[in-house]
Amino acid sequence: MYIVNTTFIVEPAVHERWYDLFVRQFVPFLRAGGFGSDPARMIFTRVLTDHGDPHYTYSLQVDVPDTAEYQRFMTEMIGEYASITGPLFGEQTLYFTSLLKKIVL
């Protein structure tokens, strides 16, 4: 089992519009694509820091069973995200994705 972790960094000037788009359009798109339909398999958090950074930072974690689903997530889901947010927000929103492998202790 794997976790796809995508971190989003959003400038304050576009935060409200970005957040609305993310919650109202992107999350339903993820669920329709088969990711996060089980709420326990998708976690969305705000990253808190004490560094006084004015940006908003969020983390989206989605469970995927294998690397093929990770590739599909990157191609279909993140590809769609980039095609929508790039023209709207440019470099006022940034993101990066990591693939994590779950390890049972």
PDB file of N, CA and C in Angstrom:
ATOM      1  N   MET A   1       0.849  -1.176   0.000  1.00  0.00           N
ATOM      2  CA  MET A   1       0.000   0.000   0.000  1.00  0.00           C
ATOM      3  C   MET A   1       0.892   1.236   0.000  1.00  0.00           C
ATOM      4  N   TYR A   2       0.452   2.235  -0.706  1.00  0.00           N
ATOM      5  CA  TYR A   2       1.201   3.475  -0.857  1.00  0.00           C
ATOM      6  C   TYR A   2       0.329   4.674  -0.492  1.00  0.00           C
ATOM      7  N   ILE A   3       1.001   5.780  -0.218  1.00  0.00           N
ATOM      8  CA  ILE A   3       0.321   7.053   0.012  1.00  0.00           C
ATOM      9  C   ILE A   3       0.905   8.058  -0.974  1.00  0.00           C
ATOM     10  N   VAL A   4       0.024   8.718  -1.701  1.00  0.00           N
ATOM     11  CA  VAL A   4       0.449   9.819  -2.561  1.00  0.00           C
ATOM     12  C   VAL A   4       0.261  11.091  -1.741  1.00  0.00           C
ATOM     13  N   ASN A   5       1.356  11.779  -1.471  1.00  0.00           N
ATOM     14  CA  ASN A   5       1.312  13.016  -0.696  1.00  0.00           C
ATOM     15  C   ASN A   5       1.590  14.187  -1.622  1.00  0.00           C
ATOM     16  N   THR A   6       0.618  15.080  -1.769  1.00  0.00           N
ATOM     17  CA  THR A   6       0.809  16.279  -2.576  1.00  0.00           C
ATOM     18  C   THR A   6       0.703  17.488  -1.664  1.00  0.00           C
ATOM     19  N   THR A   7       1.732  18.308  -1.691  1.00  0.00           N
ATOM     20  CA  THR A   7       1.777  19.526  -0.903  1.00  0.00           C
ATOM     21  C   THR A   7       1.489  20.706  -1.820  1.00  0.00           C
ATOM     22  N   PHE A   8       0.591  21.567  -1.379  1.00  0.00           N
ATOM     23  CA  PHE A   8       0.189  22.753  -2.132  1.00  0.00           C
ATOM     24  C   PHE A   8       0.592  23.985  -1.348  1.00  0.00           C
ATOM     25  N   ILE A   9       1.229  24.938  -2.022  1.00  0.00           N
ATOM     26  CA  ILE A   9       1.630  26.196  -1.406  1.00  0.00           C
ATOM     27  C   ILE A   9       0.892  27.307  -2.155  1.00  0.00           C
ATOM     28  N   VAL A  10       0.134  28.103  -1.407  1.00  0.00           N
ATOM     29  CA  VAL A  10      -0.779  29.068  -2.021  1.00  0.00           C
ATOM     30  C   VAL A  10      -0.527  30.460  -1.451  1.00  0.00           C
ATOM     31  N   GLU A  11      -0.380  31.434  -2.341  1.00  0.00           N
ATOM     32  CA  GLU A  11      -0.190  32.811  -1.896  1.00  0.00           C
ATOM     33  C   GLU A  11      -1.508  33.370  -1.351  1.00  0.00           C
ATOM     34  N   PRO A  12      -1.434  34.204  -0.324  1.00  0.00           N
ATOM     35  CA  PRO A  12      -2.645  34.764   0.286  1.00  0.00           C
ATOM     36  C   PRO A  12      -3.579  35.468  -0.701  1.00  0.00           C
ATOM     37  N   ALA A  13      -3.033  36.131  -1.707  1.00  0.00           N
ATOM     38  CA  ALA A  13      -3.861  36.897  -2.639  1.00  0.00           C
ATOM     39  C   ALA A  13      -4.861  36.032  -3.410  1.00  0.00           C
ATOM     40  N   VAL A  14      -4.549  34.740  -3.590  1.00  0.00           N
ATOM     41  CA  VAL A  14      -5.436  33.863  -4.363  1.00  0.00           C
ATOM     42  C   VAL A  14      -6.015  32.732  -3.509  1.00  0.00           C
ATOM     43  N   HIS A  15      -5.705  32.745  -2.227  1.00  0.00           N
ATOM     44  CA  HIS A  15      -6.083  31.623  -1.374  1.00  0.00           C
ATOM     45  C   HIS A  15      -7.578  31.307  -1.409  1.00  0.00           C
ATOM     46  N   GLU A  16      -8.406  32.294  -1.229  1.00  0.00           N
ATOM     47  CA  GLU A  16      -9.849  32.045  -1.149  1.00  0.00           C
ATOM     48  C   GLU A  16     -10.379  31.415  -2.437  1.00  0.00           C
ATOM     49  N   ARG A  17      -9.983  31.946  -3.580  1.00  0.00           N
ATOM     50  CA  ARG A  17     -10.435  31.382  -4.866  1.00  0.00           C
ATOM     51  C   ARG A  17      -9.873  29.981  -5.077  1.00  0.00           C
ATOM     52  N   TRP A  18      -8.579  29.779  -4.731  1.00  0.00           N
ATOM     53  CA  TRP A  18      -7.961  28.470  -4.875  1.00  0.00           C
ATOM     54  C   TRP A  18      -8.665  27.444  -4.000  1.00  0.00           C
ATOM     55  N   TYR A  19      -8.880  27.792  -2.743  1.00  0.00           N
ATOM     56  CA  TYR A  19      -9.502  26.856  -1.798  1.00  0.00           C
ATOM     57  C   TYR A  19     -10.901  26.465  -2.276  1.00  0.00           C
ATOM     58  N   ASP A  20     -11.669  27.422  -2.735  1.00  0.00           N
ATOM     59  CA  ASP A  20     -13.008  27.147  -3.240  1.00  0.00           C
ATOM     60  C   ASP A  20     -12.944  26.186  -4.431  1.00  0.00           C
ATOM     61  N   LEU A  21     -12.059  26.448  -5.360  1.00  0.00           N
ATOM     62  CA  LEU A  21     -11.893  25.564  -6.519  1.00  0.00           C
ATOM     63  C   LEU A  21     -11.467  24.166  -6.081  1.00  0.00           C
ATOM     64  N   PHE A  22     -10.533  24.105  -5.132  1.00  0.00           N
ATOM     65  CA  PHE A  22     -10.021  22.818  -4.666  1.00  0.00           C
ATOM     66  C   PHE A  22     -11.138  21.977  -4.049  1.00  0.00           C
ATOM     67  N   VAL A  23     -11.906  22.579  -3.147  1.00  0.00           N
ATOM     68  CA  VAL A  23     -12.941  21.849  -2.413  1.00  0.00           C
ATOM     69  C   VAL A  23     -14.157  21.537  -3.296  1.00  0.00           C
ATOM     70  N   ARG A  24     -14.567  22.477  -4.118  1.00  0.00           N
ATOM     71  CA  ARG A  24     -15.797  22.307  -4.907  1.00  0.00           C
ATOM     72  C   ARG A  24     -15.596  21.576  -6.230  1.00  0.00           C
ATOM     73  N   GLN A  25     -14.383  21.633  -6.781  1.00  0.00           N
ATOM     74  CA  GLN A  25     -14.170  21.006  -8.084  1.00  0.00           C
ATOM     75  C   GLN A  25     -13.166  19.860  -8.045  1.00  0.00           C
ATOM     76  N   PHE A  26     -11.995  20.111  -7.438  1.00  0.00           N
ATOM     77  CA  PHE A  26     -10.952  19.094  -7.505  1.00  0.00           C
ATOM     78  C   PHE A  26     -11.252  17.876  -6.638  1.00  0.00           C
ATOM     79  N   VAL A  27     -11.703  18.084  -5.417  1.00  0.00           N
ATOM     80  CA  VAL A  27     -12.008  16.938  -4.555  1.00  0.00           C
ATOM     81  C   VAL A  27     -13.119  16.067  -5.161  1.00  0.00           C
ATOM     82  N   PRO A  28     -14.227  16.629  -5.652  1.00  0.00           N
ATOM     83  CA  PRO A  28     -15.216  15.781  -6.332  1.00  0.00           C
ATOM     84  C   PRO A  28     -14.642  15.063  -7.558  1.00  0.00           C
ATOM     85  N   PHE A  29     -13.746  15.723  -8.288  1.00  0.00           N
ATOM     86  CA  PHE A  29     -13.086  15.088  -9.431  1.00  0.00           C
ATOM     87  C   PHE A  29     -12.262  13.892  -8.968  1.00  0.00           C
ATOM     88  N   LEU A  30     -11.535  14.038  -7.864  1.00  0.00           N
ATOM     89  CA  LEU A  30     -10.766  12.923  -7.306  1.00  0.00           C
ATOM     90  C   LEU A  30     -11.682  11.756  -6.954  1.00  0.00           C
ATOM     91  N   ARG A  31     -12.768  12.060  -6.272  1.00  0.00           N
ATOM     92  CA  ARG A  31     -13.698  11.002  -5.849  1.00  0.00           C
ATOM     93  C   ARG A  31     -14.338  10.317  -7.048  1.00  0.00           C
ATOM     94  N   ALA A  32     -14.711  11.093  -8.061  1.00  0.00           N
ATOM     95  CA  ALA A  32     -15.295  10.513  -9.272  1.00  0.00           C
ATOM     96  C   ALA A  32     -14.283   9.621  -9.986  1.00  0.00           C
ATOM     97  N   GLY A  33     -12.995   9.932  -9.836  1.00  0.00           N
ATOM     98  CA  GLY A  33     -11.936   9.120 -10.434  1.00  0.00           C
ATOM     99  C   GLY A  33     -11.564   7.909  -9.613  1.00  0.00           C
ATOM    100  N   GLY A  34     -12.253   7.703  -8.480  1.00  0.00           N
ATOM    101  CA  GLY A  34     -11.994   6.532  -7.651  1.00  0.00           C
ATOM    102  C   GLY A  34     -10.988   6.749  -6.536  1.00  0.00           C
ATOM    103  N   PHE A  35     -10.568   7.985  -6.344  1.00  0.00           N
ATOM    104  CA  PHE A  35      -9.621   8.292  -5.266  1.00  0.00           C
ATOM    105  C   PHE A  35     -10.357   9.006  -4.139  1.00  0.00           C
ATOM    106  N   GLY A  36     -10.246   8.487  -2.937  1.00  0.00           N
ATOM    107  CA  GLY A  36     -10.834   9.165  -1.790  1.00  0.00           C
ATOM    108  C   GLY A  36     -12.325   8.986  -1.633  1.00  0.00           C
ATOM    109  N   SER A  37     -12.918   8.024  -2.358  1.00  0.00           N
ATOM    110  CA  SER A  37     -14.353   7.801  -2.174  1.00  0.00           C
ATOM    111  C   SER A  37     -14.628   7.297  -0.751  1.00  0.00           C
ATOM    112  N   ASP A  38     -13.651   6.617  -0.167  1.00  0.00           N
ATOM    113  CA  ASP A  38     -13.701   6.249   1.248  1.00  0.00           C
ATOM    114  C   ASP A  38     -12.951   7.340   2.007  1.00  0.00           C
ATOM    115  N   PRO A  39     -13.656   8.129   2.849  1.00  0.00           N
ATOM    116  CA  PRO A  39     -13.010   9.250   3.537  1.00  0.00           C
ATOM    117  C   PRO A  39     -11.767   8.865   4.338  1.00  0.00           C
ATOM    118  N   ALA A  40     -11.685   7.624   4.778  1.00  0.00           N
ATOM    119  CA  ALA A  40     -10.513   7.197   5.542  1.00  0.00           C
ATOM    120  C   ALA A  40      -9.285   7.046   4.643  1.00  0.00           C
ATOM    121  N   ARG A  41      -9.471   7.047   3.331  1.00  0.00           N
ATOM    122  CA  ARG A  41      -8.370   6.834   2.394  1.00  0.00           C
ATOM    123  C   ARG A  41      -7.867   8.138   1.756  1.00  0.00           C
ATOM    124  N   MET A  42      -8.447   9.271   2.204  1.00  0.00           N
ATOM    125  CA  MET A  42      -7.991  10.576   1.726  1.00  0.00           C
ATOM    126  C   MET A  42      -7.992  11.537   2.909  1.00  0.00           C
ATOM    127  N   ILE A  43      -6.858  12.176   3.125  1.00  0.00           N
ATOM    128  CA  ILE A  43      -6.715  13.123   4.237  1.00  0.00           C
ATOM    129  C   ILE A  43      -6.230  14.449   3.665  1.00  0.00           C
ATOM    130  N   PHE A  44      -6.899  15.539   4.028  1.00  0.00           N
ATOM    131  CA  PHE A  44      -6.518  16.884   3.605  1.00  0.00           C
ATOM    132  C   PHE A  44      -6.247  17.694   4.854  1.00  0.00           C
ATOM    133  N   THR A  45      -5.045  18.251   4.948  1.00  0.00           N
ATOM    134  CA  THR A  45      -4.660  18.993   6.143  1.00  0.00           C
ATOM    135  C   THR A  45      -4.015  20.318   5.767  1.00  0.00           C
ATOM    136  N   ARG A  46      -4.083  21.253   6.699  1.00  0.00           N
ATOM    137  CA  ARG A  46      -3.331  22.495   6.547  1.00  0.00           C
ATOM    138  C   ARG A  46      -2.053  22.340   7.357  1.00  0.00           C
ATOM    139  N   VAL A  47      -0.932  22.653   6.742  1.00  0.00           N
ATOM    140  CA  VAL A  47       0.364  22.568   7.397  1.00  0.00           C
ATOM    141  C   VAL A  47       0.575  23.855   8.188  1.00  0.00           C
ATOM    142  N   LEU A  48       0.821  23.716   9.468  1.00  0.00           N
ATOM    143  CA  LEU A  48       1.031  24.869  10.343  1.00  0.00           C
ATOM    144  C   LEU A  48       2.512  25.004  10.657  1.00  0.00           C
ATOM    145  N   THR A  49       3.004  26.230  10.614  1.00  0.00           N
ATOM    146  CA  THR A  49       4.407  26.471  10.952  1.00  0.00           C
ATOM    147  C   THR A  49       4.490  27.632  11.931  1.00  0.00           C
ATOM    148  N   ASP A  50       5.619  27.744  12.564  1.00  0.00           N
ATOM    149  CA  ASP A  50       5.845  28.883  13.461  1.00  0.00           C
ATOM    150  C   ASP A  50       6.894  29.824  12.863  1.00  0.00           C
ATOM    151  N   HIS A  51       7.116  29.711  11.548  1.00  0.00           N
ATOM    152  CA  HIS A  51       8.122  30.526  10.870  1.00  0.00           C
ATOM    153  C   HIS A  51       7.571  31.851  10.367  1.00  0.00           C
ATOM    154  N   GLY A  52       6.279  32.110  10.513  1.00  0.00           N
ATOM    155  CA  GLY A  52       5.699  33.358  10.057  1.00  0.00           C
ATOM    156  C   GLY A  52       5.563  33.444   8.549  1.00  0.00           C
ATOM    157  N   ASP A  53       5.591  32.317   7.867  1.00  0.00           N
ATOM    158  CA  ASP A  53       5.433  32.299   6.414  1.00  0.00           C
ATOM    159  C   ASP A  53       4.021  32.743   6.057  1.00  0.00           C
ATOM    160  N   PRO A  54       3.883  33.733   5.178  1.00  0.00           N
ATOM    161  CA  PRO A  54       2.543  34.238   4.859  1.00  0.00           C
ATOM    162  C   PRO A  54       1.747  33.312   3.935  1.00  0.00           C
ATOM    163  N   HIS A  55       2.392  32.323   3.333  1.00  0.00           N
ATOM    164  CA  HIS A  55       1.703  31.421   2.423  1.00  0.00           C
ATOM    165  C   HIS A  55       0.854  30.412   3.181  1.00  0.00           C
ATOM    166  N   TYR A  56      -0.156  29.922   2.503  1.00  0.00           N
ATOM    167  CA  TYR A  56      -0.948  28.808   3.013  1.00  0.00           C
ATOM    168  C   TYR A  56      -0.356  27.533   2.436  1.00  0.00           C
ATOM    169  N   THR A  57      -0.172  26.530   3.283  1.00  0.00           N
ATOM    170  CA  THR A  57       0.365  25.255   2.829  1.00  0.00           C
ATOM    171  C   THR A  57      -0.592  24.154   3.254  1.00  0.00           C
ATOM    172  N   TYR A  58      -0.909  23.277   2.305  1.00  0.00           N
ATOM    173  CA  TYR A  58      -1.822  22.164   2.539  1.00  0.00           C
ATOM    174  C   TYR A  58      -1.160  20.870   2.098  1.00  0.00           C
ATOM    175  N   SER A  59      -1.611  19.772   2.684  1.00  0.00           N
ATOM    176  CA  SER A  59      -1.161  18.443   2.296  1.00  0.00           C
ATOM    177  C   SER A  59      -2.381  17.575   2.009  1.00  0.00           C
ATOM    178  N   LEU A  60      -2.362  16.944   0.852  1.00  0.00           N
ATOM    179  CA  LEU A  60      -3.394  15.979   0.485  1.00  0.00           C
ATOM    180  C   LEU A  60      -2.732  14.617   0.432  1.00  0.00           C
ATOM    181  N   GLN A  61      -3.261  13.673   1.212  1.00  0.00           N
ATOM    182  CA  GLN A  61      -2.727  12.316   1.218  1.00  0.00           C
ATOM    183  C   GLN A  61      -3.821  11.354   0.780  1.00  0.00           C
ATOM    184  N   VAL A  62      -3.493  10.569  -0.244  1.00  0.00           N
ATOM    185  CA  VAL A  62      -4.447   9.632  -0.821  1.00  0.00           C
ATOM    186  C   VAL A  62      -3.804   8.258  -0.857  1.00  0.00           C
ATOM    187  N   ASP A  63      -4.498   7.264  -0.329  1.00  0.00           N
ATOM    188  CA  ASP A  63      -4.017   5.886  -0.384  1.00  0.00           C
ATOM    189  C   ASP A  63      -4.198   5.334  -1.789  1.00  0.00           C
ATOM    190  N   VAL A  64      -3.170   4.645  -2.277  1.00  0.00           N
ATOM    191  CA  VAL A  64      -3.264   3.920  -3.541  1.00  0.00           C
ATOM    192  C   VAL A  64      -2.682   2.524  -3.318  1.00  0.00           C
ATOM    193  N   PRO A  65      -3.251   1.506  -3.979  1.00  0.00           N
ATOM    194  CA  PRO A  65      -2.803   0.145  -3.725  1.00  0.00           C
ATOM    195  C   PRO A  65      -1.474  -0.225  -4.373  1.00  0.00           C
ATOM    196  N   ASP A  66      -1.121   0.456  -5.476  1.00  0.00           N
ATOM    197  CA  ASP A  66       0.090   0.061  -6.203  1.00  0.00           C
ATOM    198  C   ASP A  66       0.618   1.231  -7.021  1.00  0.00           C
ATOM    199  N   THR A  67       1.776   1.023  -7.640  1.00  0.00           N
ATOM    200  CA  THR A  67       2.393   2.105  -8.396  1.00  0.00           C
ATOM    201  C   THR A  67       1.635   2.419  -9.688  1.00  0.00           C
ATOM    202  N   ALA A  68       0.884   1.472 -10.208  1.00  0.00           N
ATOM    203  CA  ALA A  68       0.063   1.757 -11.389  1.00  0.00           C
ATOM    204  C   ALA A  68      -1.006   2.801 -11.058  1.00  0.00           C
ATOM    205  N   GLU A  69      -1.615   2.686  -9.882  1.00  0.00           N
ATOM    206  CA  GLU A  69      -2.614   3.685  -9.463  1.00  0.00           C
ATOM    207  C   GLU A  69      -1.954   5.026  -9.152  1.00  0.00           C
ATOM    208  N   TYR A  70      -0.738   4.970  -8.658  1.00  0.00           N
ATOM    209  CA  TYR A  70       0.012   6.212  -8.458  1.00  0.00           C
ATOM    210  C   TYR A  70       0.223   6.917  -9.798  1.00  0.00           C
ATOM    211  N   GLN A  71       0.630   6.154 -10.805  1.00  0.00           N
ATOM    212  CA  GLN A  71       0.830   6.736 -12.138  1.00  0.00           C
ATOM    213  C   GLN A  71      -0.467   7.313 -12.689  1.00  0.00           C
ATOM    214  N   ARG A  72      -1.560   6.610 -12.483  1.00  0.00           N
ATOM    215  CA  ARG A  72      -2.862   7.111 -12.936  1.00  0.00           C
ATOM    216  C   ARG A  72      -3.226   8.393 -12.184  1.00  0.00           C
ATOM    217  N   PHE A  73      -2.966   8.408 -10.889  1.00  0.00           N
ATOM    218  CA  PHE A  73      -3.225   9.611 -10.089  1.00  0.00           C
ATOM    219  C   PHE A  73      -2.441  10.792 -10.640  1.00  0.00           C
ATOM    220  N   MET A  74      -1.158  10.578 -10.913  1.00  0.00           N
ATOM    221  CA  MET A  74      -0.315  11.659 -11.407  1.00  0.00           C
ATOM    222  C   MET A  74      -0.760  12.130 -12.793  1.00  0.00           C
ATOM    223  N   THR A  75      -1.051  11.201 -13.660  1.00  0.00           N
ATOM    224  CA  THR A  75      -1.415  11.553 -15.031  1.00  0.00           C
ATOM    225  C   THR A  75      -2.791  12.188 -15.102  1.00  0.00           C
ATOM    226  N   GLU A  76      -3.786  11.514 -14.553  1.00  0.00           N
ATOM    227  CA  GLU A  76      -5.163  11.977 -14.687  1.00  0.00           C
ATOM    228  C   GLU A  76      -5.533  13.061 -13.681  1.00  0.00           C
ATOM    229  N   MET A  77      -5.279  12.823 -12.428  1.00  0.00           N
ATOM    230  CA  MET A  77      -5.753  13.730 -11.382  1.00  0.00           C
ATOM    231  C   MET A  77      -4.877  14.987 -11.281  1.00  0.00           C
ATOM    232  N   ILE A  78      -3.588  14.793 -11.092  1.00  0.00           N
ATOM    233  CA  ILE A  78      -2.703  15.950 -10.965  1.00  0.00           C
ATOM    234  C   ILE A  78      -2.559  16.655 -12.315  1.00  0.00           C
ATOM    235  N   GLY A  79      -2.629  15.897 -13.382  1.00  0.00           N
ATOM    236  CA  GLY A  79      -2.618  16.525 -14.706  1.00  0.00           C
ATOM    237  C   GLY A  79      -3.790  17.477 -14.884  1.00  0.00           C
ATOM    238  N   GLU A  80      -4.971  17.049 -14.460  1.00  0.00           N
ATOM    239  CA  GLU A  80      -6.161  17.903 -14.537  1.00  0.00           C
ATOM    240  C   GLU A  80      -6.019  19.110 -13.608  1.00  0.00           C
ATOM    241  N   TYR A  81      -5.524  18.873 -12.401  1.00  0.00           N
ATOM    242  CA  TYR A  81      -5.304  19.976 -11.454  1.00  0.00           C
ATOM    243  C   TYR A  81      -4.403  21.041 -12.084  1.00  0.00           C
ATOM    244  N   ALA A  82      -3.286  20.603 -12.659  1.00  0.00           N
ATOM    245  CA  ALA A  82      -2.328  21.536 -13.251  1.00  0.00           C
ATOM    246  C   ALA A  82      -2.932  22.286 -14.433  1.00  0.00           C
ATOM    247  N   SER A  83      -3.743  21.599 -15.234  1.00  0.00           N
ATOM    248  CA  SER A  83      -4.322  22.259 -16.409  1.00  0.00           C
ATOM    249  C   SER A  83      -5.354  23.320 -16.019  1.00  0.00           C
ATOM    250  N   ILE A  84      -5.960  23.164 -14.862  1.00  0.00           N
ATOM    251  CA  ILE A  84      -6.950  24.149 -14.395  1.00  0.00           C
ATOM    252  C   ILE A  84      -6.272  25.282 -13.629  1.00  0.00           C
ATOM    253  N   THR A  85      -5.438  24.936 -12.670  1.00  0.00           N
ATOM    254  CA  THR A  85      -4.877  25.967 -11.790  1.00  0.00           C
ATOM    255  C   THR A  85      -3.749  26.757 -12.430  1.00  0.00           C
ATOM    256  N   GLY A  86      -3.001  26.145 -13.328  1.00  0.00           N
ATOM    257  CA  GLY A  86      -1.899  26.858 -13.981  1.00  0.00           C
ATOM    258  C   GLY A  86      -2.352  28.147 -14.640  1.00  0.00           C
ATOM    259  N   PRO A  87      -3.340  28.082 -15.552  1.00  0.00           N
ATOM    260  CA  PRO A  87      -3.801  29.309 -16.199  1.00  0.00           C
ATOM    261  C   PRO A  87      -4.471  30.298 -15.237  1.00  0.00           C
ATOM    262  N   LEU A  88      -5.123  29.798 -14.201  1.00  0.00           N
ATOM    263  CA  LEU A  88      -5.828  30.687 -13.270  1.00  0.00           C
ATOM    264  C   LEU A  88      -4.892  31.397 -12.298  1.00  0.00           C
ATOM    265  N   PHE A  89      -3.910  30.670 -11.794  1.00  0.00           N
ATOM    266  CA  PHE A  89      -3.104  31.202 -10.697  1.00  0.00           C
ATOM    267  C   PHE A  89      -1.608  31.324 -11.006  1.00  0.00           C
ATOM    268  N   GLY A  90      -1.143  30.709 -12.060  1.00  0.00           N
ATOM    269  CA  GLY A  90       0.278  30.775 -12.392  1.00  0.00           C
ATOM    270  C   GLY A  90       1.148  30.305 -11.245  1.00  0.00           C
ATOM    271  N   GLU A  91       2.158  31.081 -10.935  1.00  0.00           N
ATOM    272  CA  GLU A  91       3.084  30.703  -9.865  1.00  0.00           C
ATOM    273  C   GLU A  91       2.620  31.149  -8.488  1.00  0.00           C
ATOM    274  N   GLN A  92       1.381  31.614  -8.394  1.00  0.00           N
ATOM    275  CA  GLN A  92       0.836  31.967  -7.078  1.00  0.00           C
ATOM    276  C   GLN A  92       0.414  30.714  -6.314  1.00  0.00           C
ATOM    277  N   THR A  93       0.359  29.596  -7.007  1.00  0.00           N
ATOM    278  CA  THR A  93       0.137  28.307  -6.348  1.00  0.00           C
ATOM    279  C   THR A  93       1.186  27.338  -6.881  1.00  0.00           C
ATOM    280  N   LEU A  94       1.814  26.630  -5.984  1.00  0.00           N
ATOM    281  CA  LEU A  94       2.816  25.623  -6.347  1.00  0.00           C
ATOM    282  C   LEU A  94       2.439  24.312  -5.680  1.00  0.00           C
ATOM    283  N   TYR A  95       2.934  23.227  -6.227  1.00  0.00           N
ATOM    284  CA  TYR A  95       2.688  21.929  -5.602  1.00  0.00           C
ATOM    285  C   TYR A  95       3.833  20.975  -5.928  1.00  0.00           C
ATOM    286  N   PHE A  96       3.987  19.971  -5.091  1.00  0.00           N
ATOM    287  CA  PHE A  96       4.907  18.874  -5.382  1.00  0.00           C
ATOM    288  C   PHE A  96       4.320  17.607  -4.781  1.00  0.00           C
ATOM    289  N   THR A  97       4.641  16.496  -5.402  1.00  0.00           N
ATOM    290  CA  THR A  97       4.061  15.214  -4.984  1.00  0.00           C
ATOM    291  C   THR A  97       5.165  14.232  -4.637  1.00  0.00           C
ATOM    292  N   SER A  98       4.924  13.452  -3.580  1.00  0.00           N
ATOM    293  CA  SER A  98       5.830  12.387  -3.157  1.00  0.00           C
ATOM    294  C   SER A  98       5.040  11.095  -3.056  1.00  0.00           C
ATOM    295  N   LEU A  99       5.678   9.992  -3.376  1.00  0.00           N
ATOM    296  CA  LEU A  99       5.077   8.684  -3.194  1.00  0.00           C
ATOM    297  C   LEU A  99       5.686   8.057  -1.950  1.00  0.00           C
ATOM    298  N   LEU A 100       4.846   7.678  -1.014  1.00  0.00           N
ATOM    299  CA  LEU A 100       5.287   7.084   0.250  1.00  0.00           C
ATOM    300  C   LEU A 100       4.841   5.618   0.289  1.00  0.00           C
ATOM    301  N   LYS A 101       5.696   4.749   0.752  1.00  0.00           N
ATOM    302  CA  LYS A 101       5.337   3.342   0.922  1.00  0.00           C
ATOM    303  C   LYS A 101       5.033   3.099   2.386  1.00  0.00           C
ATOM    304  N   LYS A 102       3.857   2.544   2.653  1.00  0.00           N
ATOM    305  CA  LYS A 102       3.480   2.243   4.037  1.00  0.00           C
ATOM    306  C   LYS A 102       4.328   1.082   4.543  1.00  0.00           C
ATOM    307  N   ILE A 103       4.786   1.219   5.771  1.00  0.00           N
ATOM    308  CA  ILE A 103       5.568   0.175   6.411  1.00  0.00           C
ATOM    309  C   ILE A 103       4.871  -0.202   7.710  1.00  0.00           C
ATOM    310  N   VAL A 104       4.596  -1.462   7.868  1.00  0.00           N
ATOM    311  CA  VAL A 104       3.937  -1.940   9.080  1.00  0.00           C
ATOM    312  C   VAL A 104       4.992  -2.183  10.144  1.00  0.00           C
ATOM    313  N   LEU A 105       4.782  -1.580  11.311  1.00  0.00           N
ATOM    314  CA  LEU A 105       5.721  -1.761  12.433  1.00  0.00           C
ATOM    315  C   LEU A 105       5.220  -2.803  13.398  1.00  0.00           C
TER     316      LEU A 105
END
